[in-house]
C-alpha atoms as a PDB file:
ATOM      1  CA  MET A   1    -298.497  28.434  56.338  1.00  0.00           C
ATOM      2  CA  GLU A   2    -297.251  32.047  55.006  1.00  0.00           C
ATOM      3  CA  THR A   3    -299.126  34.498  54.394  1.00  0.00           C
ATOM      4  CA  VAL A   4    -298.973  37.078  51.385  1.00  0.00           C
ATOM      5  CA  LEU A   5    -300.082  40.639  52.182  1.00  0.00           C
ATOM      6  CA  THR A   6    -301.792  42.016  49.691  1.00  0.00           C
ATOM      7  CA  GLU A   7    -300.610  45.017  47.079  1.00  0.00           C
ATOM      8  CA  GLU A   8    -303.130  47.931  49.011  1.00  0.00           C
ATOM      9  CA  VAL A   9    -302.000  45.811  52.998  1.00  0.00           C
ATOM     10  CA  ARG A  10    -297.878  46.640  50.927  1.00  0.00           C
ATOM     11  CA  LEU A  11    -298.897  50.180  50.593  1.00  0.00           C
ATOM     12  CA  ASP A  12    -300.117  50.811  53.765  1.00  0.00           C
ATOM     13  CA  ARG A  13    -297.902  49.487  56.211  1.00  0.00           C
ATOM     14  CA  GLU A  14    -295.053  51.723  53.552  1.00  0.00           C
ATOM     15  CA  ARG A  15    -297.520  54.588  53.985  1.00  0.00           C
ATOM     16  CA  GLU A  16    -297.770  54.251  58.198  1.00  0.00           C
ATOM     17  CA  LEU A  17    -293.921  53.031  58.490  1.00  0.00           C
ATOM     18  CA  GLU A  18    -293.258  56.002  56.831  1.00  0.00           C
ATOM     19  CA  SER A  19    -295.088  58.881  58.828  1.00  0.00           C
ATOM     20  CA  LEU A  20    -294.329  57.268  61.488  1.00  0.00           C
ATOM     21  CA  ILE A  21    -290.167  58.005  60.627  1.00  0.00           C
ATOM     22  CA  GLU A  22    -291.369  61.613  59.702  1.00  0.00           C
ATOM     23  CA  MET A  23    -293.027  62.121  63.141  1.00  0.00           C
ATOM     24  CA  ILE A  24    -289.701  60.719  65.375  1.00  0.00           C
ATOM     25  CA  ARG A  25    -286.933  62.542  62.795  1.00  0.00           C
ATOM     26  CA  PRO A  26    -287.486  66.305  64.293  1.00  0.00           C
ATOM     27  CA  ALA A  27    -286.608  64.744  67.652  1.00  0.00           C
ATOM     28  CA  VAL A  28    -283.042  62.870  65.779  1.00  0.00           C
ATOM     29  CA  GLN A  29    -282.684  66.785  64.045  1.00  0.00           C
ATOM     30  CA  SER A  30    -282.784  68.617  66.956  1.00  0.00           C
ATOM     31  CA  ASP A  31    -279.859  67.180  68.422  1.00  0.00           C
ATOM     32  CA  GLY A  32    -278.108  67.400  65.260  1.00  0.00           C
ATOM     33  CA  GLY A  33    -279.027  63.826  63.140  1.00  0.00           C
ATOM     34  CA  ASP A  34    -280.976  62.672  61.367  1.00  0.00           C
ATOM     35  CA  LEU A  35    -282.866  59.430  60.449  1.00  0.00           C
ATOM     36  CA  VAL A  36    -283.019  58.120  57.494  1.00  0.00           C
ATOM     37  CA  LEU A  37    -285.395  54.572  56.363  1.00  0.00           C
ATOM     38  CA  GLN A  38    -283.152  52.640  54.478  1.00  0.00           C
ATOM     39  CA  SER A  39    -285.244  49.953  53.649  1.00  0.00           C
ATOM     40  CA  ALA A  40    -288.687  47.715  55.400  1.00  0.00           C
ATOM     41  CA  ASP A  41    -289.221  44.095  54.380  1.00  0.00           C
ATOM     42  CA  VAL A  42    -293.117  44.269  55.636  1.00  0.00           C
ATOM     43  CA  GLU A  43    -293.560  40.598  55.448  1.00  0.00           C
ATOM     44  CA  THR A  44    -291.186  39.939  57.950  1.00  0.00           C
ATOM     45  CA  GLY A  45    -290.831  42.939  59.505  1.00  0.00           C
ATOM     46  CA  ILE A  46    -287.341  43.920  59.656  1.00  0.00           C
ATOM     47  CA  VAL A  47    -286.790  48.343  59.251  1.00  0.00           C
ATOM     48  CA  LYS A  48    -283.555  49.194  58.252  1.00  0.00           C
ATOM     49  CA  VAL A  49    -282.988  52.918  59.348  1.00  0.00           C
ATOM     50  CA  THR A  50    -279.536  54.982  59.772  1.00  0.00           C
ATOM     51  CA  LEU A  51    -278.873  58.139  61.692  1.00  0.00           C
ATOM     52  CA  VAL A  52    -276.700  60.511  59.586  1.00  0.00           C
ATOM     53  CA  GLY A  53    -274.799  63.600  61.425  1.00  0.00           C
ATOM     54  CA  SER A  54    -274.454  64.412  64.800  1.00  0.00           C
ATOM     55  CA  CYS A  55    -275.436  61.339  65.533  1.00  0.00           C
ATOM     56  CA  SER A  56    -272.166  59.622  63.853  1.00  0.00           C
ATOM     57  CA  SER A  57    -270.373  60.701  66.962  1.00  0.00           C
ATOM     58  CA  CYS A  58    -272.820  60.137  69.321  1.00  0.00           C
ATOM     59  CA  ALA A  59    -272.092  58.247  72.355  1.00  0.00           C
ATOM     60  CA  ILE A  60    -276.100  57.301  72.860  1.00  0.00           C
ATOM     61  CA  SER A  61    -276.666  56.352  69.349  1.00  0.00           C
ATOM     62  CA  GLU A  62    -277.507  52.214  69.993  1.00  0.00           C
ATOM     63  CA  THR A  63    -279.669  53.430  73.065  1.00  0.00           C
ATOM     64  CA  THR A  64    -281.109  55.859  70.677  1.00  0.00           C
ATOM     65  CA  LEU A  65    -282.077  53.227  68.003  1.00  0.00           C
ATOM     66  CA  LYS A  66    -282.759  50.237  70.396  1.00  0.00           C
ATOM     67  CA  ALA A  67    -284.500  52.771  73.222  1.00  0.00           C
ATOM     68  CA  GLY A  68    -286.055  55.110  71.091  1.00  0.00           C
ATOM     69  CA  ILE A  69    -286.742  53.861  67.093  1.00  0.00           C
ATOM     70  CA  GLU A  70    -286.908  50.476  68.053  1.00  0.00           C
ATOM     71  CA  ARG A  71    -289.323  51.053  71.096  1.00  0.00           C
ATOM     72  CA  ILE A  72    -291.526  53.241  69.094  1.00  0.00           C
ATOM     73  CA  LEU A  73    -291.762  51.564  65.975  1.00  0.00           C
ATOM     74  CA  THR A  74    -292.681  48.121  67.641  1.00  0.00           C
ATOM     75  CA  SER A  75    -295.419  49.739  69.406  1.00  0.00           C
ATOM     76  CA  ARG A  76    -296.960  51.343  67.140  1.00  0.00           C
ATOM     77  CA  LEU A  77    -297.291  49.186  63.574  1.00  0.00           C
ATOM     78  CA  PRO A  78    -297.535  45.788  64.788  1.00  0.00           C
ATOM     79  CA  TRP A  79    -296.526  44.127  62.622  1.00  0.00           C
ATOM     80  CA  VAL A  80    -293.005  45.807  62.742  1.00  0.00           C
ATOM     81  CA  THR A  81    -290.210  43.168  64.473  1.00  0.00           C
ATOM     82  CA  ALA A  82    -287.193  44.120  64.097  1.00  0.00           C
ATOM     83  CA  VAL A  83    -285.848  47.703  64.213  1.00  0.00           C
ATOM     84  CA  VAL A  84    -281.872  46.867  61.960  1.00  0.00           C
ATOM     85  CA  GLY A  85    -280.004  50.203  62.744  1.00  0.00           C
ATOM     86  CA  ASP A  86    -276.189  51.954  61.651  1.00  0.00           C
ATOM     87  CA  VAL A  87    -274.560  55.255  61.562  1.00  0.00           C
ATOM     88  CA  ASP A  88    -273.392  57.002  59.152  1.00  0.00           C
ATOM     89  CA  GLU A  89    -269.303  57.298  60.109  1.00  0.00           C
ATOM     90  CA  SER A  90    -268.532  58.320  56.277  1.00  0.00           C
ATOM     91  CA  ILE A  91    -269.033  61.901  58.412  1.00  0.00           C
ATOM     92  CA  ASP A  92    -265.533  63.520  59.090  1.00  0.00           C
ATOM     93  CA  TYR A  93    -265.498  63.266  63.221  1.00  0.00           C
ATOM     94  CA  GLU A  94    -265.045  66.802  64.238  1.00  0.00           C
ATOM     95  CA  ASP A  95    -267.494  68.080  61.936  1.00  0.00           C
ATOM     96  CA  SER A  96    -269.996  65.882  63.246  1.00  0.00           C
ATOM     97  CA  TYR A  97    -269.326  66.938  66.855  1.00  0.00           C
ATOM     98  CA  ALA A  98    -270.385  70.665  66.230  1.00  0.00           C
ATOM     99  CA  MET A  99    -273.188  69.403  64.656  1.00  0.00           C
ATOM    100  CA  GLY A 100    -274.672  68.730  67.784  1.00  0.00           C
ATOM    101  CA  ARG A 101    -275.415  69.964  71.637  1.00  0.00           C
ATOM    102  CA  GLY A 102    -272.399  67.829  72.478  1.00  0.00           C
ATOM    103  CA  GLY A 103    -273.795  67.079  75.023  1.00  0.00           C
ATOM    104  CA  TYR A 104    -274.003  63.604  75.296  1.00  0.00           C
ATOM    105  CA  VAL A 105    -270.810  63.329  72.583  1.00  0.00           C
ATOM    106  CA  PRO A 106    -267.909  61.824  74.219  1.00  0.00           C
ATOM    107  CA  ARG A 107    -265.192  64.288  74.474  1.00  0.00           C
ATOM    108  CA  ILE A 108    -261.206  62.830  72.876  1.00  0.00           C
ATOM    109  CA  ASP A 109    -258.569  64.397  73.777  1.00  0.00           C
ATOM    110  CA  VAL A 110    -255.671  64.776  71.037  1.00  0.00           C
END
């Protein structure tokens, strides 16, 4: 039997998630990237985010997503069951590369 969430519980979950995303963002921003919350299904617990900026050229963006963002969200918000993410690939690679510190950005020799 499925539990139907009240509007109050839905709003509480959305606020908790937005607050936690805002807490995480400075760490991602410190490397020239950013974290954008795309959507959240507060009933199923599936959260969709996008990594932007220097994250577009970062070799460890998948690790940031799974070992960082997903781990934090699922450990602090018990209702979050999965974090689905992507990187914004619309930015030019060289612009993306220039945004970050570069220590972990793959080097491409042309």
